[in-house]
């Protein structure tokens, strides 16, 4: 039986509903326009948490381009856009635009390491490669390195250049060890592990292979001991050192690595979905909203979940796509949603789309990009707690000022505190490629934090309120941009050291 509510209870219920309805808006914001409110209200902190927990969860293994986790994530995102009722606009009428890339893998039973005293070790179950060049063999002297502590430093008198480095690192040193050793420019680095090493794959881009700066991977403890014996080394060289330190020992004699490879096509797609515009005369023009779907995946045996980078932006884009499809009033011009592959390896997915567009580029109204919107900026002298409502609006003033004004108009319904001091990152995300093609762009960026590009970029540290707010901002911005129509072509840009300079 349903009991009638007293007036006080009704008042409490209505107040509670209002608080839930406004959960992703910051203090000082106003109610969104009635025409767009239905879609606006579908964007919630809870939905952002649900979807990001999947995208940055164990199933998708950090979404590394060329790795199976990315393939699974791309299929999942495409499935969500189909669920929302968005149209496919990719290759062959599907949701994917495949990048012309292949995967180079090491044949572990045909690749080997050899050295003095008849040393010969097959890669199979003993050596795993995760970054490698395309040379058939490599020869070098050997250094054994042990690292410990949060900030180990290598003595300036020691050089590891062109050496084959075999190293161990304690839990505190592990996140810094690979970078510290790479600065020494060794020919190869292998982390000694107790688990069974497995080789990853290397992506080949169209027009030639992209060379890694050096080779890196993992080596079993048993293999390390066998190598030590053949080089007349001391087993203590691969034991942990104490304190915050680095211990280095150079062995007598060289090692030789011989590689055999297998090349096969790699399934690396951009994901594209289309919301047709409501005006028959204007629907051939379109607004692009994008976010890169990829992250670092599994590297050197470590999983990089990429919750903020860029699970947060990909989640925000899903929220926007659902909101626009759910809202009864559609934008007059069409919306193209794009989840890019290969951003982390050089903005590859967005560059490929712009070189091989599936829709006319001259009909593009503007490009809105979302990259890392799930954390409060945190750096020296700037605590995360001071950035609850702040976000960087990058590049919006570099093209048509009308686009900046459109976002400012949309922001009155969300009320972010915009910051404009990160223009230096403009060339480091996908909107830069659109800008080079003559499109006005805007890039939402939460800022850097200590977990950037580390295995600790995890869902547990995410500010879901900020993701939902970013999605609401660009949901409204997309509607207003679609109403505005074409923005003026931005001024000619220059490139310096491969980066876009507006």
Protein backbone atom coordinates (compact mmCIF):
# COMPACT_ATOMS: atom_id res chain seq x y z
CA UNK A 1 0.00 0.00 0.00
CA UNK A 2 1.25 3.51 -0.84
CA UNK A 3 0.87 6.04 1.94
CA UNK A 4 0.33 9.75 1.21
CA UNK A 5 3.33 11.95 2.01
CA UNK A 6 2.90 14.83 4.39
CA UNK A 7 3.78 18.32 3.13
CA UNK A 8 7.08 18.37 5.06
CA UNK A 9 8.13 15.09 3.48
CA UNK A 10 7.21 16.41 0.04
CA UNK A 11 9.34 19.48 0.65
CA UNK A 12 12.28 17.32 1.75
CA UNK A 13 11.88 15.09 -1.30
CA UNK A 14 11.75 18.01 -3.72
CA UNK A 15 14.86 19.53 -2.11
CA UNK A 16 16.71 16.23 -2.37
CA UNK A 17 15.75 15.83 -6.02
CA UNK A 18 17.00 19.34 -6.77
CA UNK A 19 20.33 18.54 -5.11
CA UNK A 20 20.73 15.37 -7.17
CA UNK A 21 19.75 17.23 -10.35
CA UNK A 22 22.45 19.85 -9.74
CA UNK A 23 25.17 17.45 -8.63
CA UNK A 24 27.57 18.15 -11.48
CA UNK A 25 27.23 21.93 -11.39
CA UNK A 26 29.53 24.18 -9.39
CA UNK A 27 28.37 26.94 -7.06
CA UNK A 28 27.15 30.00 -8.97
CA UNK A 29 25.93 28.09 -12.03
CA UNK A 30 22.43 28.58 -13.38
CA UNK A 31 19.87 26.11 -14.68
CA UNK A 32 20.53 24.99 -18.29
CA UNK A 33 18.19 26.03 -21.11
CA UNK A 34 14.96 24.06 -21.12
CA UNK A 35 15.59 22.82 -24.67
CA UNK A 36 18.77 21.05 -23.57
CA UNK A 37 17.94 20.08 -19.99
CA UNK A 38 16.86 16.48 -20.66
CA UNK A 39 20.23 15.54 -22.10
CA UNK A 40 22.09 17.68 -19.56
CA UNK A 41 20.50 15.78 -16.69
CA UNK A 42 21.57 12.38 -18.05
CA UNK A 43 25.19 13.29 -17.25
CA UNK A 44 25.91 12.25 -13.67
CA UNK A 45 28.87 11.50 -11.44
CA UNK A 46 27.58 7.95 -10.97
CA UNK A 47 27.45 7.25 -14.70
CA UNK A 48 30.95 8.66 -15.15
CA UNK A 49 32.18 6.36 -12.38
CA UNK A 50 30.43 3.32 -13.87
CA UNK A 51 31.89 3.78 -17.36
CA UNK A 52 35.38 4.84 -16.31
CA UNK A 53 35.61 1.84 -13.96
CA UNK A 54 35.17 -0.33 -17.05
CA UNK A 55 37.47 1.65 -19.37
CA UNK A 56 40.31 1.82 -16.84
CA UNK A 57 39.56 -1.56 -15.30
CA UNK A 58 41.45 -4.85 -15.67
CA UNK A 59 39.54 -6.05 -18.75
CA UNK A 60 41.05 -3.42 -21.05
CA UNK A 61 44.60 -3.64 -19.64
CA UNK A 62 45.47 0.03 -20.05
CA UNK A 63 44.25 0.26 -23.67
CA UNK A 64 47.70 0.22 -25.27
CA UNK A 65 47.59 0.78 -29.05
CA UNK A 66 48.26 -2.53 -30.74
CA UNK A 67 47.49 -4.48 -27.58
CA UNK A 68 44.40 -6.61 -27.11
CA UNK A 69 43.12 -4.34 -24.35
CA UNK A 70 42.73 -1.46 -26.79
CA UNK A 71 40.88 -3.65 -29.27
CA UNK A 72 38.44 -4.71 -26.54
CA UNK A 73 37.95 -1.10 -25.41
CA UNK A 74 37.26 0.08 -28.97
CA UNK A 75 34.61 -2.60 -29.43
CA UNK A 76 33.03 -1.69 -26.09
CA UNK A 77 32.86 2.02 -26.97
CA UNK A 78 31.43 1.25 -30.41
CA UNK A 79 28.80 -0.92 -28.73
CA UNK A 80 27.82 1.93 -26.42
CA UNK A 81 27.37 4.35 -29.33
CA UNK A 82 25.16 1.79 -31.08
CA UNK A 83 23.20 1.44 -27.83
CA UNK A 84 22.69 5.23 -27.82
CA UNK A 85 21.30 5.03 -31.37
CA UNK A 86 24.15 6.94 -33.01
CA UNK A 87 24.91 6.16 -36.63
CA UNK A 88 28.09 4.39 -37.79
CA UNK A 89 30.25 6.55 -40.04
CA UNK A 90 33.48 4.55 -40.28
CA UNK A 91 34.99 2.25 -42.90
CA UNK A 92 32.46 0.13 -44.74
CA UNK A 93 29.54 1.60 -42.83
CA UNK A 94 30.82 0.51 -39.42
CA UNK A 95 31.99 2.39 -36.33
CA UNK A 96 35.72 1.89 -37.00
CA UNK A 97 38.29 3.64 -39.14
CA UNK A 98 41.23 1.26 -39.22
CA UNK A 99 44.73 2.68 -39.05
CA UNK A 100 47.09 1.16 -41.64
CA UNK A 101 49.45 -0.40 -39.13
CA UNK A 102 50.96 -3.80 -38.54
CA UNK A 103 52.35 -5.56 -35.52
CA UNK A 104 55.91 -6.85 -35.26
CA UNK A 105 56.40 -9.66 -32.76
CA UNK A 106 59.46 -11.55 -31.63
CA UNK A 107 59.53 -15.30 -32.23
CA UNK A 108 60.62 -16.46 -28.74
CA UNK A 109 61.63 -19.98 -29.77
CA UNK A 110 63.83 -18.70 -32.60
CA UNK A 111 65.45 -15.74 -30.84
CA UNK A 112 68.34 -16.22 -28.44
CA UNK A 113 71.00 -14.69 -26.22
CA UNK A 114 74.55 -16.00 -26.44
CA UNK A 115 77.80 -15.21 -24.66
CA UNK A 116 81.08 -16.56 -23.22
CA UNK A 117 81.53 -20.11 -21.98
CA UNK A 118 79.01 -21.54 -24.46
CA UNK A 119 76.16 -19.45 -23.04
CA UNK A 120 72.98 -19.85 -25.09
CA UNK A 121 69.46 -18.94 -23.84
CA UNK A 122 66.31 -19.01 -25.96
CA UNK A 123 63.93 -16.13 -25.34
CA UNK A 124 61.10 -18.59 -24.71
CA UNK A 125 60.10 -18.31 -21.00
CA UNK A 126 63.40 -16.56 -20.19
CA UNK A 127 63.46 -13.20 -22.01
CA UNK A 128 60.62 -10.86 -22.92
CA UNK A 129 60.91 -7.81 -25.18
CA UNK A 130 58.63 -4.83 -24.79
CA UNK A 131 60.46 -2.14 -26.78
CA UNK A 132 62.82 -3.02 -29.58
CA UNK A 133 64.44 -1.81 -32.77
CA UNK A 134 64.32 -3.65 -36.07
CA UNK A 135 67.95 -4.80 -36.05
CA UNK A 136 68.50 -8.57 -36.45
CA UNK A 137 71.15 -8.69 -33.72
CA UNK A 138 72.77 -6.65 -30.95
CA UNK A 139 76.17 -7.05 -29.23
CA UNK A 140 77.35 -5.18 -26.14
CA UNK A 141 79.16 -5.19 -22.84
CA UNK A 142 77.17 -5.98 -19.72
CA UNK A 143 76.32 -3.98 -16.59
CA UNK A 144 74.41 -5.33 -13.59
CA UNK A 145 72.50 -2.63 -11.70
CA UNK A 146 70.54 -2.71 -8.43
CA UNK A 147 68.34 0.27 -7.49
CA UNK A 148 66.47 1.08 -4.27
CA UNK A 149 64.52 3.93 -2.72
CA UNK A 150 62.21 6.61 -4.07
CA UNK A 151 64.91 8.75 -5.71
CA UNK A 152 67.97 6.67 -6.60
CA UNK A 153 70.73 8.56 -8.42
CA UNK A 154 73.50 7.21 -10.59
CA UNK A 155 77.03 8.42 -9.87
CA UNK A 156 78.07 10.90 -12.56
CA UNK A 157 81.33 9.03 -13.11
CA UNK A 158 79.46 5.91 -14.29
CA UNK A 159 78.42 5.53 -17.93
CA UNK A 160 76.04 2.85 -19.19
CA UNK A 161 76.02 4.09 -22.77
CA UNK A 162 75.73 1.25 -25.32
CA UNK A 163 75.75 -1.37 -22.54
CA UNK A 164 73.32 -4.24 -22.10
CA UNK A 165 71.94 -3.49 -18.63
CA UNK A 166 70.42 -6.17 -16.40
CA UNK A 167 68.79 -4.60 -13.35
CA UNK A 168 66.65 -5.12 -10.29
CA UNK A 169 64.65 -2.42 -8.51
CA UNK A 170 62.77 -2.49 -5.24
CA UNK A 171 59.14 -1.40 -5.07
CA UNK A 172 59.99 2.23 -4.35
CA UNK A 173 62.54 2.52 -7.15
CA UNK A 174 60.56 0.62 -9.75
CA UNK A 175 58.64 3.59 -11.17
CA UNK A 176 61.82 5.63 -11.74
CA UNK A 177 64.30 2.93 -12.67
CA UNK A 178 63.47 2.56 -16.37
CA UNK A 179 63.60 6.31 -17.01
CA UNK A 180 66.80 6.76 -14.98
CA UNK A 181 68.55 4.02 -16.94
CA UNK A 182 67.19 5.17 -20.32
CA UNK A 183 68.84 8.56 -19.83
CA UNK A 184 72.17 6.74 -19.91
CA UNK A 185 71.38 5.55 -23.44
CA UNK A 186 72.19 1.85 -23.04
CA UNK A 187 71.67 -0.37 -26.05
CA UNK A 188 69.30 -2.58 -24.02
CA UNK A 189 67.81 -2.79 -20.52
CA UNK A 190 66.29 -5.89 -18.94
CA UNK A 191 64.49 -5.86 -15.60
CA UNK A 192 65.12 -9.11 -13.70
CA UNK A 193 61.80 -10.64 -12.59
CA UNK A 194 60.61 -13.72 -10.73
CA UNK A 195 57.66 -14.19 -13.10
CA UNK A 196 57.83 -15.69 -16.59
CA UNK A 197 58.88 -12.97 -19.09
CA UNK A 198 56.67 -12.49 -22.14
CA UNK A 199 57.36 -10.43 -25.25
CA UNK A 200 55.01 -7.72 -26.39
CA UNK A 201 54.74 -6.41 -29.93
CA UNK A 202 55.98 -3.34 -31.76
CA UNK A 203 53.74 -1.30 -34.03
CA UNK A 204 54.75 -0.57 -37.60
CA UNK A 205 53.29 2.56 -39.11
CA UNK A 206 52.48 3.08 -42.76
CA UNK A 207 55.57 4.19 -44.64
CA UNK A 208 58.14 2.60 -42.37
CA UNK A 209 58.83 1.34 -38.89
CA UNK A 210 59.12 3.75 -35.99
CA UNK A 211 62.39 2.95 -34.25
CA UNK A 212 62.57 2.75 -30.48
CA UNK A 213 65.48 4.62 -28.90
CA UNK A 214 66.71 1.37 -27.33
CA UNK A 215 65.63 -2.14 -26.51
CA UNK A 216 63.98 -3.01 -23.20
CA UNK A 217 62.23 -5.93 -21.61
CA UNK A 218 62.33 -8.46 -18.80
CA UNK A 219 64.62 -11.35 -17.89
CA UNK A 220 63.93 -14.28 -15.57
CA UNK A 221 66.00 -14.61 -12.39
CA UNK A 222 67.16 -18.05 -13.53
CA UNK A 223 68.41 -16.62 -16.83
CA UNK A 224 70.17 -13.76 -15.00
CA UNK A 225 72.02 -16.26 -12.78
CA UNK A 226 73.05 -18.29 -15.82
CA UNK A 227 74.39 -15.14 -17.49
CA UNK A 228 76.25 -14.17 -14.32
CA UNK A 229 77.94 -17.56 -14.19
CA UNK A 230 79.04 -17.38 -17.83
CA UNK A 231 80.54 -13.91 -17.24
CA UNK A 232 82.25 -14.94 -13.99
CA UNK A 233 80.07 -12.47 -12.09
CA UNK A 234 78.97 -12.46 -8.47
CA UNK A 235 75.36 -13.53 -7.66
CA UNK A 236 75.27 -10.68 -5.12
CA UNK A 237 75.19 -8.27 -8.09
CA UNK A 238 71.49 -9.03 -8.55
CA UNK A 239 70.50 -8.76 -4.92
CA UNK A 240 68.70 -5.70 -3.47
CA UNK A 241 70.78 -2.85 -2.11
CA UNK A 242 69.80 -0.90 0.99
CA UNK A 243 68.74 2.70 1.36
CA UNK A 244 68.24 5.17 -1.47
CA UNK A 245 71.03 4.03 -3.77
CA UNK A 246 72.27 2.52 -7.04
CA UNK A 247 74.84 -0.28 -7.21
CA UNK A 248 76.59 -0.93 -10.57
CA UNK A 249 78.92 -3.78 -11.59
CA UNK A 250 80.47 -4.22 -15.04
CA UNK A 251 81.10 -7.78 -16.24
CA UNK A 252 83.92 -8.96 -18.45
CA UNK A 253 82.83 -10.16 -21.88
CA UNK A 254 79.99 -9.32 -24.28
CA UNK A 255 76.50 -10.67 -24.85
CA UNK A 256 74.89 -11.15 -28.23
CA UNK A 257 71.13 -10.96 -28.88
CA UNK A 258 69.73 -12.47 -32.07
CA UNK A 259 66.14 -11.72 -33.10
CA UNK A 260 63.61 -13.38 -35.38
CA UNK A 261 60.39 -11.48 -36.07
CA UNK A 262 56.84 -12.08 -37.27
CA UNK A 263 54.76 -9.31 -38.88
CA UNK A 264 50.96 -9.30 -39.12
CA UNK A 265 48.15 -6.74 -39.51
CA UNK A 266 47.22 -4.84 -36.34
CA UNK A 267 43.60 -4.02 -35.53
CA UNK A 268 43.91 -0.41 -34.32
CA UNK A 269 40.77 1.61 -35.01
CA UNK A 270 39.57 5.12 -34.42
CA UNK A 271 35.96 4.85 -33.22
CA UNK A 272 33.49 7.17 -35.00
CA UNK A 273 29.80 7.80 -34.39
CA UNK A 274 27.41 10.32 -35.92
CA UNK A 275 24.41 12.27 -34.68
CA UNK A 276 22.61 13.71 -37.75
CA UNK A 277 21.63 17.35 -37.51
CA UNK A 278 17.96 18.28 -37.26
CA UNK A 279 18.04 20.91 -40.04
CA UNK A 280 17.97 19.26 -43.51
CA UNK A 281 19.82 22.21 -45.04
CA UNK A 282 22.56 22.36 -42.39
CA UNK A 283 23.11 18.73 -41.40
CA UNK A 284 25.98 18.28 -43.87
CA UNK A 285 27.99 20.62 -41.61
CA UNK A 286 29.25 19.16 -38.36
CA UNK A 287 30.92 19.75 -35.01
CA UNK A 288 33.67 17.30 -33.98
CA UNK A 289 34.01 16.25 -30.34
CA UNK A 290 36.98 13.98 -29.65
CA UNK A 291 39.04 12.21 -27.00
CA UNK A 292 41.87 9.72 -27.31
CA UNK A 293 40.93 6.24 -26.18
CA UNK A 294 44.42 4.77 -25.95
CA UNK A 295 46.91 4.84 -23.09
CA UNK A 296 50.20 3.04 -22.42
CA UNK A 297 48.81 -0.44 -21.82
CA UNK A 298 51.26 -2.97 -20.42
CA UNK A 299 54.92 -1.97 -20.48
CA UNK A 300 57.91 -3.65 -18.89
CA UNK A 301 55.52 -5.97 -17.08
CA UNK A 302 53.58 -3.10 -15.47
CA UNK A 303 49.97 -2.15 -16.16
CA UNK A 304 49.24 1.53 -16.81
CA UNK A 305 45.45 1.88 -16.30
CA UNK A 306 45.23 5.44 -17.65
CA UNK A 307 42.19 6.37 -15.58
CA UNK A 308 42.75 10.10 -16.05
CA UNK A 309 44.82 9.82 -19.25
CA UNK A 310 42.54 9.44 -21.01
CA UNK A 311 39.87 7.21 -19.56
CA UNK A 312 38.39 10.40 -18.13
CA UNK A 313 38.10 12.15 -21.51
CA UNK A 314 36.78 9.02 -23.21
CA UNK A 315 34.17 8.69 -20.46
CA UNK A 316 33.19 12.35 -20.77
CA UNK A 317 32.74 11.86 -24.51
CA UNK A 318 30.49 8.85 -23.90
CA UNK A 319 28.43 10.98 -21.52
CA UNK A 320 28.11 13.73 -24.15
CA UNK A 321 27.14 11.24 -26.85
CA UNK A 322 24.43 9.73 -24.69
CA UNK A 323 23.15 13.16 -23.66
CA UNK A 324 22.86 14.43 -27.22
CA UNK A 325 21.16 11.24 -28.39
CA UNK A 326 18.76 11.33 -25.41
CA UNK A 327 17.79 14.98 -25.74
CA UNK A 328 14.53 15.44 -27.69
CA UNK A 329 15.86 18.57 -29.46
CA UNK A 330 18.87 17.72 -31.63
CA UNK A 331 21.53 20.17 -32.81
CA UNK A 332 20.78 21.80 -36.17
CA UNK A 333 24.14 20.71 -37.51
CA UNK A 334 25.48 17.19 -37.10
CA UNK A 335 27.88 15.98 -34.41
CA UNK A 336 30.81 13.67 -35.15
CA UNK A 337 32.08 11.81 -32.07
CA UNK A 338 35.63 10.46 -32.36
CA UNK A 339 37.64 8.27 -29.97
CA UNK A 340 41.18 8.36 -31.32
CA UNK A 341 43.77 5.58 -31.37
CA UNK A 342 47.49 6.16 -31.15
CA UNK A 343 47.58 9.51 -29.38
CA UNK A 344 50.25 8.28 -26.99
CA UNK A 345 52.54 7.29 -29.88
CA UNK A 346 52.36 10.64 -31.67
CA UNK A 347 48.73 11.73 -32.30
CA UNK A 348 48.59 9.00 -34.94
CA UNK A 349 44.83 8.36 -35.01
CA UNK A 350 43.75 11.97 -35.48
CA UNK A 351 46.49 12.54 -38.07
CA UNK A 352 45.29 9.52 -40.03
CA UNK A 353 41.69 10.71 -40.00
CA UNK A 354 42.64 14.17 -41.26
CA UNK A 355 44.81 12.70 -44.01
CA UNK A 356 42.05 10.24 -44.93
CA UNK A 357 38.80 11.98 -43.89
CA UNK A 358 35.53 10.10 -44.13
CA UNK A 359 33.60 13.37 -44.24
CA UNK A 360 34.44 16.65 -46.02
CA UNK A 361 36.86 18.69 -43.91
CA UNK A 362 35.49 21.96 -45.29
CA UNK A 363 32.15 21.18 -43.64
CA UNK A 364 33.74 20.96 -40.18
CA UNK A 365 32.48 23.71 -37.85
CA UNK A 366 35.02 23.29 -35.02
CA UNK A 367 36.75 20.63 -32.94
CA UNK A 368 36.29 20.19 -29.17
CA UNK A 369 38.83 17.91 -27.46
CA UNK A 370 38.69 16.34 -23.98
CA UNK A 371 41.93 14.98 -22.54
CA UNK A 372 42.60 14.36 -18.81
CA UNK A 373 39.60 15.88 -17.04
CA UNK A 374 39.38 13.47 -14.11
CA UNK A 375 41.83 14.92 -11.62
CA UNK A 376 42.50 18.20 -9.85
CA UNK A 377 45.78 19.73 -10.94
CA UNK A 378 48.51 18.96 -8.42
CA UNK A 379 52.05 20.30 -8.64
CA UNK A 380 54.60 22.04 -6.46
CA UNK A 381 52.97 25.00 -4.77
CA UNK A 382 49.54 24.09 -6.14
CA UNK A 383 47.60 21.55 -4.05
CA UNK A 384 44.86 19.39 -5.55
CA UNK A 385 42.41 20.71 -2.95
CA UNK A 386 42.86 24.21 -4.42
CA UNK A 387 41.68 23.06 -7.86
CA UNK A 388 38.29 21.48 -7.22
CA UNK A 389 36.50 23.82 -9.63
CA UNK A 390 39.34 24.81 -11.96
CA UNK A 391 40.16 23.44 -15.41
CA UNK A 392 42.42 24.56 -18.24
CA UNK A 393 40.75 25.83 -21.41
CA UNK A 394 43.50 25.48 -23.99
CA UNK A 395 43.59 26.86 -27.53
CA UNK A 396 40.14 28.44 -27.56
CA UNK A 397 41.61 31.92 -28.07
CA UNK A 398 43.89 30.87 -30.93
CA UNK A 399 41.25 30.52 -33.62
CA UNK A 400 37.94 32.31 -34.07
CA UNK A 401 37.20 34.23 -30.84
CA UNK A 402 33.54 33.33 -31.33
CA UNK A 403 34.34 29.73 -30.33
CA UNK A 404 35.83 30.95 -27.06
CA UNK A 405 32.69 33.02 -26.48
CA UNK A 406 30.49 29.96 -27.14
CA UNK A 407 32.30 28.02 -24.40
CA UNK A 408 32.10 30.95 -21.99
CA UNK A 409 28.34 31.08 -22.67
CA UNK A 410 28.02 27.34 -21.97
CA UNK A 411 30.07 27.66 -18.79
CA UNK A 412 27.47 29.81 -17.02
CA UNK A 413 25.49 26.57 -16.60
CA UNK A 414 28.49 24.71 -15.09
CA UNK A 415 30.72 27.49 -13.71
CA UNK A 416 34.23 26.10 -14.02
CA UNK A 417 37.01 28.47 -13.00
CA UNK A 418 38.94 28.52 -16.29
CA UNK A 419 42.72 28.77 -16.30
CA UNK A 420 44.76 29.72 -19.36
CA UNK A 421 48.32 28.96 -18.28
CA UNK A 422 48.84 25.61 -20.03
CA UNK A 423 49.02 26.67 -23.69
CA UNK A 424 52.34 24.84 -23.82
CA UNK A 425 50.47 21.51 -24.01
CA UNK A 426 48.53 22.61 -27.11
CA UNK A 427 50.63 20.48 -29.47
CA UNK A 428 50.45 17.38 -27.29
CA UNK A 429 46.84 16.32 -27.91
CA UNK A 430 44.65 15.59 -30.91
CA UNK A 431 43.09 19.01 -31.42
CA UNK A 432 46.50 20.21 -32.66
CA UNK A 433 46.11 18.19 -35.88
CA UNK A 434 42.70 19.75 -36.55
CA UNK A 435 44.12 23.22 -35.92
CA UNK A 436 46.84 22.57 -38.50
CA UNK A 437 44.09 21.80 -41.02
CA UNK A 438 42.47 25.20 -40.44
CA UNK A 439 39.81 24.35 -37.84
CA UNK A 440 39.13 26.40 -34.70
CA UNK A 441 39.56 24.19 -31.65
CA UNK A 442 39.23 24.09 -27.87
CA UNK A 443 40.86 21.63 -25.49
CA UNK A 444 39.69 20.86 -21.94
CA UNK A 445 42.58 19.75 -19.72
CA UNK A 446 42.48 19.17 -15.97
CA UNK A 447 46.23 19.61 -15.49
CA UNK A 448 49.16 17.44 -14.50
CA UNK A 449 49.50 15.45 -11.28
CA UNK A 450 52.05 13.03 -9.75
CA UNK A 451 50.37 9.96 -11.29
CA UNK A 452 50.68 11.17 -14.90
CA UNK A 453 51.95 8.31 -17.10
CA UNK A 454 52.44 6.04 -14.11
CA UNK A 455 50.81 2.77 -13.06
CA UNK A 456 49.23 4.74 -10.20
CA UNK A 457 46.87 6.64 -12.55
CA UNK A 458 43.95 4.63 -11.17
CA UNK A 459 40.18 4.93 -10.88
CA UNK A 460 40.40 5.24 -7.09
CA UNK A 461 41.99 8.69 -7.47
CA UNK A 462 39.46 10.13 -9.93
CA UNK A 463 37.20 13.14 -9.36
CA UNK A 464 34.01 11.95 -11.10
CA UNK A 465 32.32 15.27 -10.37
CA UNK A 466 34.87 16.97 -12.62
CA UNK A 467 34.36 14.48 -15.47
CA UNK A 468 30.60 15.00 -15.37
CA UNK A 469 31.03 18.76 -15.27
CA UNK A 470 33.41 18.70 -18.24
CA UNK A 471 30.90 16.58 -20.17
CA UNK A 472 28.08 19.00 -19.36
CA UNK A 473 30.19 21.94 -20.50
CA UNK A 474 31.01 20.46 -23.90
CA UNK A 475 27.50 19.04 -24.30
CA UNK A 476 26.17 22.58 -24.20
CA UNK A 477 29.13 23.96 -26.16
CA UNK A 478 28.40 21.48 -28.96
CA UNK A 479 24.77 22.60 -29.13
CA UNK A 480 25.76 26.27 -29.21
CA UNK A 481 28.53 25.68 -31.78
CA UNK A 482 26.11 23.76 -33.98
CA UNK A 483 23.75 26.73 -33.76
CA UNK A 484 26.56 29.18 -34.62
CA UNK A 485 27.87 27.40 -37.72
CA UNK A 486 31.31 27.70 -39.30
CA UNK A 487 33.98 29.52 -37.33
CA UNK A 488 36.65 31.53 -39.09
CA UNK A 489 39.83 29.77 -40.14
CA UNK A 490 42.53 30.22 -37.49
CA UNK A 491 45.78 31.97 -38.38
CA UNK A 492 48.57 29.97 -39.98
CA UNK A 493 50.44 27.85 -37.47
CA UNK A 494 54.11 26.95 -37.23
CA UNK A 495 55.73 23.75 -36.06
CA UNK A 496 58.76 23.70 -33.80
CA UNK A 497 60.46 20.41 -32.94
CA UNK A 498 57.37 18.59 -34.18
CA UNK A 499 54.99 20.56 -31.94
CA UNK A 500 52.28 22.97 -33.05
CA UNK A 501 52.92 26.57 -32.07
CA UNK A 502 49.70 28.63 -32.40
